[in-house]
Protein backbone atom coordinates (compact mmCIF):
# COMPACT_ATOMS: atom_id res chain seq x y z
CA MET A 1 -0.35 0.00 0.09
CA THR A 2 2.95 2.18 0.76
CA THR A 3 4.56 1.77 -2.39
CA ARG A 4 1.73 2.75 -4.62
CA GLN A 5 0.93 6.34 -2.53
CA PRO A 6 3.73 7.89 -4.12
CA ALA A 7 2.71 6.66 -7.83
CA GLU A 8 -1.12 7.69 -7.17
CA ARG A 9 -0.11 10.90 -5.83
CA TRP A 10 2.01 11.57 -9.09
CA ALA A 11 -0.70 10.41 -11.56
CA SER A 12 -3.15 12.88 -9.90
CA TRP A 13 -0.58 15.71 -10.60
CA GLN A 14 0.08 14.34 -14.03
CA ALA A 15 -4.09 14.27 -14.27
CA LEU A 16 -4.08 17.85 -13.76
CA ASP A 17 -5.20 19.99 -16.50
CA SER A 18 -3.48 22.95 -18.03
CA GLY A 19 -5.92 25.55 -16.90
CA ARG A 20 -5.41 24.34 -13.26
CA LEU A 21 -1.67 24.31 -13.71
CA LEU A 22 -1.52 27.72 -14.90
CA LEU A 23 -3.68 28.79 -11.77
CA LEU A 24 -1.71 26.81 -9.30
CA ALA A 25 1.65 28.78 -11.10
CA ALA A 26 0.01 31.88 -11.04
CA ALA A 27 -0.97 31.46 -7.33
CA GLY A 28 2.69 29.97 -6.56
CA MET A 29 4.43 33.34 -8.17
CA LEU A 30 2.44 35.38 -5.93
CA VAL A 31 3.06 33.34 -3.16
CA VAL A 32 7.03 33.76 -3.48
CA ALA A 33 6.77 37.35 -4.47
CA GLY A 34 4.64 38.33 -1.45
CA LEU A 35 6.78 36.06 0.94
CA ALA A 36 10.15 37.41 -0.36
CA GLN A 37 8.96 40.89 0.03
CA THR A 38 7.21 40.65 3.28
CA ALA A 39 10.89 38.90 4.56
CA ALA A 40 13.06 41.64 3.13
CA VAL A 41 11.16 44.72 4.43
CA LYS A 42 9.83 42.74 7.73
CA VAL A 43 6.33 42.57 8.26
CA GLN A 44 4.26 45.78 8.52
CA GLN A 45 1.64 46.19 11.63
CA PRO A 46 2.83 42.70 12.68
CA VAL A 47 0.18 42.49 15.83
CA THR A 48 -2.88 42.93 12.90
CA ALA A 49 -0.90 40.54 10.39
CA VAL A 50 -1.09 37.70 12.87
CA ALA A 51 -4.91 38.53 13.90
CA PHE A 52 -6.21 38.50 10.67
CA GLY A 53 -3.77 35.45 9.21
CA CYS A 54 -5.37 33.58 12.62
CA LEU A 55 -8.89 34.39 11.37
CA ILE A 56 -8.04 33.24 8.01
CA ALA A 57 -6.72 29.88 9.10
CA PHE A 58 -9.75 29.41 11.39
CA GLY A 59 -11.94 29.90 8.15
CA GLU A 60 -9.98 27.55 5.92
CA LEU A 61 -10.35 24.95 8.48
CA LEU A 62 -14.26 25.57 8.50
CA ARG A 63 -14.58 25.26 4.56
CA LEU A 64 -17.39 24.04 3.04
CA SER A 65 -19.05 22.33 -0.34
CA LEU A 66 -21.22 24.09 -2.51
CA PRO A 67 -23.87 22.60 -5.06
CA GLY A 68 -22.04 21.58 -8.14
CA ASN A 69 -18.98 20.37 -5.95
CA ARG A 70 -17.85 23.71 -5.18
CA GLU A 71 -15.67 24.80 -2.53
CA ALA A 72 -15.82 27.79 -0.28
CA ALA A 73 -14.17 29.25 2.93
CA PRO A 74 -16.50 32.28 3.38
CA ILE A 75 -14.70 33.27 6.90
CA ALA A 76 -11.52 32.74 5.42
CA THR A 77 -12.38 35.14 2.06
CA THR A 78 -13.90 37.53 4.70
CA GLY A 79 -10.90 37.73 6.56
CA ALA A 80 -8.59 37.98 3.73
CA LEU A 81 -10.81 40.56 2.18
CA ALA A 82 -10.97 42.68 5.19
CA TYR A 83 -7.45 42.58 5.30
CA ALA A 84 -6.60 43.67 1.88
CA LEU A 85 -9.41 46.49 2.49
CA LEU A 86 -7.90 47.61 5.83
CA LEU A 87 -8.12 51.41 6.72
CA HIS A 88 -7.13 52.05 10.46
CA VAL A 89 -6.88 50.20 13.28
CA ALA A 90 -7.96 51.69 16.45
CA LYS A 91 -4.87 51.29 19.35
CA GLN A 92 -2.84 49.89 16.58
CA ASP A 93 -1.87 52.47 14.40
CA GLY A 94 -3.16 55.82 16.13
CA ASN A 95 -5.38 56.51 13.23
CA VAL A 96 -2.53 56.56 11.12
CA PRO A 97 -3.49 54.13 7.39
CA PRO A 98 -1.20 51.21 7.80
CA HIS A 99 1.20 50.84 4.99
CA VAL A 100 0.45 47.33 4.41
CA PRO A 101 1.97 46.14 1.25
CA ALA A 102 -0.49 44.30 -1.43
CA LEU A 103 2.27 41.46 -1.23
CA GLN A 104 2.10 41.50 2.65
CA VAL A 105 -1.66 40.87 2.13
CA ILE A 106 -0.99 37.88 -0.18
CA ALA A 107 1.66 36.29 2.10
CA VAL A 108 -0.60 36.54 5.29
CA THR A 109 -3.42 35.21 3.46
CA ALA A 110 -1.24 32.45 2.08
CA VAL A 111 0.14 31.43 5.30
CA GLY A 112 -3.05 31.43 6.74
CA MET A 113 -4.59 29.25 4.13
CA THR A 114 -2.06 26.81 4.48
CA LEU A 115 -2.24 26.35 8.23
CA GLY A 116 -6.20 26.10 7.81
CA ALA A 117 -5.65 23.40 5.16
CA LEU A 118 -2.91 21.29 7.58
CA PRO A 119 -5.82 19.41 9.60
CA HIS A 120 -7.48 18.91 6.33
CA ILE A 121 -4.58 16.99 5.01
CA ALA A 122 -3.79 15.42 8.12
CA ALA A 123 -7.34 13.90 8.10
CA GLY A 124 -6.69 12.51 4.62
CA ARG A 125 -8.95 14.92 3.01
CA SER A 126 -8.35 16.93 -0.11
CA ALA A 127 -5.84 20.02 0.36
CA GLY A 128 -7.95 21.99 -1.73
CA LEU A 129 -5.09 23.69 -3.56
CA THR A 130 -7.42 24.89 -6.66
CA GLY A 131 -9.98 26.65 -4.36
CA MET A 132 -7.15 28.25 -2.23
CA ALA A 133 -5.45 29.36 -5.44
CA SER A 134 -8.64 30.99 -6.81
CA ARG A 135 -9.25 32.81 -3.53
CA LEU A 136 -5.70 33.77 -3.52
CA VAL A 137 -5.54 35.20 -6.48
CA ALA A 138 -8.99 37.58 -6.14
CA VAL A 139 -7.71 38.48 -2.79
CA GLY A 140 -4.22 39.56 -4.47
CA PHE A 141 -6.19 41.29 -7.25
CA VAL A 142 -8.34 43.18 -4.50
CA ALA A 143 -5.21 44.23 -2.39
CA PHE A 144 -3.27 45.53 -5.41
CA ILE A 145 -6.03 47.67 -6.67
CA PHE A 146 -7.05 48.73 -2.97
CA ARG A 147 -3.64 49.25 -1.18
CA PRO A 148 -2.52 52.12 -3.18
CA PHE A 149 -5.76 54.15 -2.62
CA ALA A 150 -6.18 53.23 1.00
CA THR A 151 -2.97 55.25 1.72
CA SER A 152 -3.50 57.90 -0.87
CA GLU A 153 -4.44 61.68 -0.11
CA VAL A 154 -8.13 61.22 -1.85
CA LEU A 155 -9.09 59.33 1.09
CA ASN A 156 -7.09 60.31 3.99
CA ALA A 157 -7.36 64.20 3.29
CA HIS A 158 -11.12 64.33 3.00
CA ARG A 159 -11.81 61.10 5.30
CA ASN A 160 -15.32 60.58 3.71
CA TRP A 161 -16.29 57.49 4.66
CA TRP A 162 -18.67 56.97 1.64
CA ILE A 163 -15.54 57.56 -0.86
CA ALA A 164 -14.19 54.81 1.10
CA LEU A 165 -17.19 52.67 1.08
CA SER A 166 -17.84 52.86 -2.59
CA ALA A 167 -14.23 52.28 -2.99
CA MET A 168 -14.67 49.24 -1.35
CA ALA A 169 -17.59 47.80 -2.87
CA VAL A 170 -16.59 48.32 -6.13
CA THR A 171 -13.22 46.54 -5.50
CA ALA A 172 -14.67 43.85 -3.40
CA ALA A 173 -17.06 43.12 -6.60
CA LEU A 174 -14.40 43.06 -9.12
CA GLY A 175 -12.47 40.46 -6.49
CA TRP A 176 -15.85 38.45 -6.67
CA LEU A 177 -15.84 38.80 -10.41
CA VAL A 178 -12.38 37.32 -10.96
CA GLU A 179 -13.01 34.61 -8.40
CA ALA A 180 -15.73 33.74 -10.76
CA VAL A 181 -14.40 33.62 -14.25
CA ILE A 182 -11.88 31.44 -12.69
CA GLY A 183 -14.07 29.43 -11.24
CA ALA A 184 -15.99 29.19 -14.67
CA LEU A 185 -13.07 28.54 -16.58
CA ILE A 186 -12.21 25.74 -14.95
CA ARG A 187 -15.80 24.22 -14.81
CA ALA A 188 -15.92 24.71 -18.39
CA ASP A 189 -12.84 23.04 -19.08
CA ASP A 190 -13.53 19.77 -16.75
CA LEU A 191 -17.18 19.48 -17.99
CA GLY A 192 -16.93 20.74 -21.40
CA ALA A 193 -19.47 23.24 -21.01
CA ARG A 194 -19.50 26.57 -22.95
CA PHE A 195 -17.87 29.32 -20.53
CA SER A 196 -20.90 31.64 -21.08
CA VAL A 197 -23.30 29.26 -19.63
CA ALA A 198 -20.52 27.98 -16.98
CA LEU A 199 -19.95 31.75 -15.98
CA TRP A 200 -23.76 32.62 -15.59
CA ASP A 201 -23.88 29.61 -13.50
CA GLU A 202 -20.92 30.53 -11.49
CA MET A 203 -22.23 34.15 -10.65
CA ARG A 204 -25.67 32.78 -9.93
CA VAL A 205 -24.60 30.49 -7.16
CA LEU A 206 -21.84 32.33 -5.72
CA LEU A 207 -23.61 35.84 -5.47
CA PRO A 208 -25.31 35.43 -2.48
CA LEU A 209 -22.34 34.17 -0.74
CA GLY A 210 -20.23 36.65 -2.25
CA ALA A 211 -22.65 39.62 -1.39
CA ALA A 212 -22.57 38.15 2.12
CA VAL A 213 -18.70 38.02 2.28
CA GLY A 214 -17.90 41.40 0.69
CA ALA A 215 -20.51 42.94 3.35
CA SER A 216 -18.91 41.42 6.14
CA ALA A 217 -15.69 42.54 4.83
CA VAL A 218 -16.64 45.83 4.71
CA ILE A 219 -18.24 45.84 7.92
CA THR A 220 -15.08 44.36 9.38
CA VAL A 221 -12.96 46.95 8.45
CA PHE A 222 -15.13 49.77 9.63
CA ALA A 223 -15.38 48.29 12.93
CA ALA A 224 -11.73 48.19 13.36
CA GLU A 225 -11.35 51.65 13.18
CA VAL A 226 -13.79 52.08 16.39
CA MET A 227 -12.78 48.45 18.42
CA GLY A 228 -9.57 47.34 17.00
CA LEU A 229 -8.79 43.92 16.69
CA SER A 230 -10.97 42.72 19.32
CA GLU A 231 -13.92 43.14 16.52
CA LEU A 232 -12.60 40.02 14.96
CA ALA A 233 -13.42 37.71 17.62
CA VAL A 234 -17.17 39.75 17.87
CA PHE A 235 -17.76 39.16 14.12
CA ILE A 236 -16.82 35.58 14.40
CA GLY A 237 -20.40 34.59 15.60
CA PRO A 238 -22.34 36.22 12.72
CA LEU A 239 -20.07 34.65 10.05
CA LEU A 240 -20.61 31.43 11.77
CA VAL A 241 -24.21 31.81 11.30
CA THR A 242 -23.91 32.67 7.81
CA GLN A 243 -21.76 29.81 7.13
CA VAL A 244 -24.24 27.45 8.96
CA ALA A 245 -27.07 28.54 6.57
CA PHE A 246 -25.28 27.99 3.67
CA ARG A 247 -23.77 24.47 4.73
CA ARG A 248 -27.63 23.72 5.39
CA TYR A 249 -28.38 24.46 2.33
CA ALA A 250 -25.64 22.68 0.61
CA GLY A 251 -26.81 19.66 2.83
CA ILE A 252 -30.32 19.73 1.93
CA ARG A 253 -29.50 19.71 -1.56
CA ALA A 254 -27.30 16.84 -1.44
CA THR A 255 -29.94 14.92 0.73
CA TYR A 256 -32.40 15.35 -2.33
CA LEU A 257 -30.01 13.87 -4.55
CA GLN A 258 -29.54 10.80 -2.41
CA THR A 259 -33.08 10.44 -2.19
CA VAL A 260 -33.40 10.50 -5.56
CA ARG A 261 -30.64 8.22 -6.50
CA ALA A 262 -32.05 5.61 -3.96
CA LEU A 263 -35.50 5.79 -5.10
CA ALA A 264 -34.35 5.49 -8.72
CA ARG A 265 -32.86 2.15 -7.80
CA VAL A 266 -36.09 0.73 -6.62
CA THR A 267 -36.88 0.06 -10.51
CA GLU A 268 -33.42 -1.98 -10.64
CA VAL A 269 -33.99 -4.14 -7.33
CA GLY A 270 -37.61 -4.96 -8.50
CA GLY A 271 -36.12 -6.13 -11.67
CA TYR A 272 -37.85 -3.87 -13.92
CA VAL A 273 -34.85 -2.30 -15.68
CA GLU A 274 -31.11 -3.49 -16.14
CA SER A 275 -28.77 -2.52 -12.99
CA GLY A 276 -27.42 0.93 -13.93
CA HIS A 277 -29.76 1.91 -16.34
CA SER A 278 -30.92 5.00 -14.10
CA ARG A 279 -27.46 6.29 -13.51
CA ARG A 280 -26.56 5.47 -17.24
CA VAL A 281 -29.19 7.53 -18.78
CA SER A 282 -28.66 10.23 -15.98
CA ARG A 283 -25.09 10.74 -16.78
CA LEU A 284 -25.94 10.75 -20.99
CA ALA A 285 -28.71 13.16 -20.07
CA VAL A 286 -26.78 15.48 -18.03
CA ALA A 287 -23.73 15.18 -20.70
CA VAL A 288 -25.81 16.03 -23.58
CA GLY A 289 -27.42 18.91 -21.80
CA GLN A 290 -23.94 20.08 -21.06
CA GLU A 291 -23.05 19.84 -24.62
CA LEU A 292 -26.50 21.87 -25.84
CA GLY A 293 -25.54 24.79 -23.11
CA MET A 294 -27.92 24.29 -20.83
CA PRO A 295 -27.60 26.05 -17.33
CA GLU A 296 -26.46 24.47 -14.27
CA HIS A 297 -30.29 24.80 -12.50
CA ASP A 298 -31.84 22.94 -15.15
CA LEU A 299 -29.13 20.59 -15.51
CA LEU A 300 -30.03 19.42 -12.17
CA ASP A 301 -33.82 19.18 -13.00
CA LEU A 302 -32.46 16.74 -15.70
CA GLU A 303 -30.69 14.66 -13.50
CA TYR A 304 -33.55 14.01 -11.14
CA ALA A 305 -36.07 13.31 -14.15
CA ALA A 306 -33.25 10.94 -15.67
CA LEU A 307 -32.65 9.01 -12.46
CA MET A 308 -36.54 8.57 -11.81
CA HIS A 309 -37.65 8.35 -15.80
CA ASP A 310 -38.82 4.85 -15.52
CA ILE A 311 -40.38 4.81 -11.92
CA GLY A 312 -43.66 4.59 -13.35
CA GLN A 313 -43.04 0.98 -14.56
CA LEU A 314 -43.42 0.03 -11.18
CA ALA A 315 -47.36 0.25 -11.91
CA LEU A 316 -46.99 -2.33 -14.39
CA PRO A 317 -48.43 -5.76 -13.60
CA ASP A 318 -45.44 -7.49 -15.78
CA PRO A 319 -41.71 -5.89 -16.06
CA ILE A 320 -41.12 -5.20 -19.60
CA PRO A 321 -38.72 -7.46 -20.76
CA GLY A 322 -35.09 -6.04 -20.41
CA GLY A 323 -36.90 -3.03 -18.96
CA ALA A 324 -36.50 -1.34 -22.55
CA THR A 325 -39.22 1.03 -22.99
CA VAL A 326 -38.18 1.93 -26.17
CA LEU A 327 -39.53 -1.52 -27.47
CA VAL A 328 -43.11 -1.37 -26.47
CA SER A 329 -46.00 0.94 -28.19
CA ALA A 330 -46.17 4.35 -27.93
CA ALA A 331 -49.50 4.03 -25.80
CA ASP A 332 -47.45 2.30 -23.18
CA GLN A 333 -44.68 4.44 -22.74
CA ARG A 334 -47.24 7.35 -22.32
CA ARG A 335 -48.76 5.45 -19.52
CA ILE A 336 -45.39 4.65 -17.89
CA ALA A 337 -44.61 8.53 -18.09
CA GLU A 338 -47.60 9.48 -16.32
CA LEU A 339 -47.60 7.19 -13.68
CA GLY A 340 -44.01 8.29 -13.39
CA SER A 341 -44.62 12.28 -13.36
CA ASP A 342 -47.80 11.57 -10.71
CA VAL A 343 -45.63 9.62 -8.25
CA ILE A 344 -42.95 12.19 -8.38
CA ARG A 345 -45.50 15.32 -8.17
CA GLN A 346 -46.63 13.80 -4.74
CA ALA A 347 -43.62 14.98 -3.49
CA GLY A 348 -44.97 18.32 -3.71
CA VAL A 349 -41.21 19.76 -4.45
CA LEU A 350 -40.41 18.49 -7.85
CA ASP A 351 -43.34 19.84 -9.79
CA LYS A 352 -40.82 20.36 -12.91
CA VAL A 353 -39.14 17.14 -12.70
CA ALA A 354 -42.65 15.56 -12.56
CA GLU A 355 -43.11 17.62 -15.93
CA LEU A 356 -40.26 16.61 -17.79
CA VAL A 357 -40.93 12.64 -16.66
CA ARG A 358 -44.52 13.25 -18.13
CA CYS A 359 -43.62 14.68 -21.59
CA GLN A 360 -40.51 12.22 -21.76
CA ASN A 361 -42.52 10.16 -24.64
CA TRP A 362 -43.81 12.87 -26.80
CA PRO A 363 -42.39 13.13 -30.37
CA ALA A 364 -39.93 16.16 -30.88
CA ARG A 365 -42.25 17.18 -33.75
CA GLY A 366 -45.63 17.23 -34.43
CA HIS A 367 -47.24 17.48 -30.59
CA ASP A 368 -48.64 20.56 -29.77
CA PRO A 369 -47.35 21.84 -27.39
CA GLU A 370 -43.63 20.54 -27.94
CA PRO A 371 -42.05 18.65 -25.28
CA PRO A 372 -39.45 20.74 -22.90
CA VAL A 373 -35.29 20.18 -24.16
CA GLY A 374 -35.03 17.91 -20.90
CA SER A 375 -37.71 15.59 -22.20
CA ARG A 376 -36.06 15.39 -25.52
CA ILE A 377 -32.92 14.56 -24.21
CA ILE A 378 -34.23 12.07 -21.53
CA ARG A 379 -36.19 10.13 -24.67
CA ALA A 380 -32.86 10.07 -26.56
CA ALA A 381 -30.55 8.82 -23.92
CA ASN A 382 -33.28 6.41 -22.60
CA ALA A 383 -33.46 4.87 -25.98
CA PHE A 384 -29.56 4.84 -26.63
CA ASP A 385 -29.38 2.95 -23.30
CA ASP A 386 -32.30 0.63 -24.09
CA LEU A 387 -30.16 -0.18 -27.34
CA VAL A 388 -26.33 -0.23 -26.23
CA GLY A 389 -27.12 -1.05 -22.38
CA GLY A 390 -23.55 -0.97 -20.49
CA SER A 391 -21.47 -1.89 -23.56
CA THR A 392 -18.89 -0.37 -24.86
CA ASP A 393 -18.40 -1.85 -28.51
CA ARG A 394 -18.36 0.82 -31.09
CA ASP A 395 -20.19 -1.27 -33.76
CA ARG A 396 -23.33 -1.55 -31.11
CA SER A 397 -23.22 2.22 -30.13
CA ALA A 398 -22.89 3.29 -34.11
CA ALA A 399 -25.98 1.15 -34.67
CA ALA A 400 -28.36 2.85 -32.05
CA LEU A 401 -26.99 6.24 -32.95
CA GLU A 402 -28.06 5.14 -36.73
CA ARG A 403 -31.40 4.14 -35.66
CA LEU A 404 -31.94 7.45 -33.57
CA ARG A 405 -30.91 9.69 -36.64
CA LEU A 406 -33.50 7.68 -38.97
CA ASP A 407 -36.43 8.48 -36.25
CA THR A 408 -35.47 12.18 -36.03
CA ALA A 409 -37.95 13.22 -38.62
CA ALA A 410 -40.52 13.07 -36.00
CA GLU A 411 -39.53 11.18 -32.90
CA TYR A 412 -36.36 12.57 -31.87
CA ASP A 413 -34.97 16.12 -31.57
CA ALA A 414 -31.67 16.27 -34.60
CA GLY A 415 -29.70 18.40 -32.35
CA VAL A 416 -30.25 16.26 -29.13
CA VAL A 417 -28.89 13.06 -31.33
CA GLU A 418 -26.09 15.00 -32.43
CA ALA A 419 -24.96 16.07 -29.18
CA LEU A 420 -25.52 12.30 -28.27
CA SER A 421 -23.19 11.31 -30.64
CA GLU A 422 -20.53 13.53 -29.71
CA VAL A 423 -21.26 12.33 -25.70
CA ALA A 424 -21.01 8.75 -26.72
CA GLY A 425 -17.79 8.93 -28.44
CA ARG A 426 -16.12 10.67 -25.97
CA ARG A 427 -17.88 8.18 -23.56
CA LEU A 428 -16.10 5.03 -25.40
CA ALA A 429 -12.63 7.03 -25.62
CA SER A 430 -12.68 7.45 -22.38
CA ARG A 431 -13.18 3.68 -21.42
CA LEU A 432 -10.51 2.46 -23.85
């Protein structure tokens, strides 16, 4: 076991894509420059640096997972942003603006993040290098923009709080946008999604958290002028409450998905469909949706619907041979879809998913109204898996795709079938 671990670690590094390597390289250069400059000129305001470094480490220790396998550390990001936007610290700088260089902000943030990540590494969890690098680059961007302004005559000669507030808000928003762009680039590369769609998804998901973090950072900066560093301990409470709320939201969403997956397995356990059919259709449907540029919230509904698309078969007196609904009559297909939709609708919170399941067997053309895009995707993905199953044989897949293309005049959406052919080709290549 011990001889395999170094090889596995090396393989994981080799598997890193060029986008992640570029991000890590950029963050690494910032860290090296920050540590070198800080060591050369000595730490400015060392007590303040230590206090904010500890807050960042504490926040990194309590980082959380957001929907879409995103990682966030709201308390750590708040501390790092507040340090980058710092104006005055009561009882530390005598109401004189602290001359904290941008590179020192980067150095303190990097050290704090590293210390906070050590317990995760010791527990065998991922170090979260990509997330830490994204946050570090965003904080560095904010620091390089705002630190010169913090000590400029424009701000300190007039001492107008609204000027400082406006500058902080704009700079924090730009930092959030930088992090969102980095996240979108990585997700677009990972998932093969369009960058514009990935960026919109990233901004939509991160907007509530980004607003909370930005507002907390600005409040922390102004509170430090009155309360000094003691306000960091006071503000940890509200920050923890905010983080708990986001953690509960992520937990509820994860529980929904686990419940849906468990429910989808009932048809497999009962012998109504082949083992793994629902998961394969779900993966294919989501991949096709990404290929067509569907936003993330629609992809989640599509995943739920694809997992439960065959649940209506539980109402059949006898299972369909092999569970292949593509081989039964159109009337039986619609009846299965209607029964499944009724079961899902009973949950009271998955009405859109129920609608996708209900419309999954409507023909792509000639039906009034036309089925939703998600239903067309499920129809094609289900038919493909009914014909191919878990096989990776290229000839079998090609024959199934050709059969679907012949039926695109009315039964299947031509665009969906072409996207499915792209996805199926990548799937086969990845297994060879």
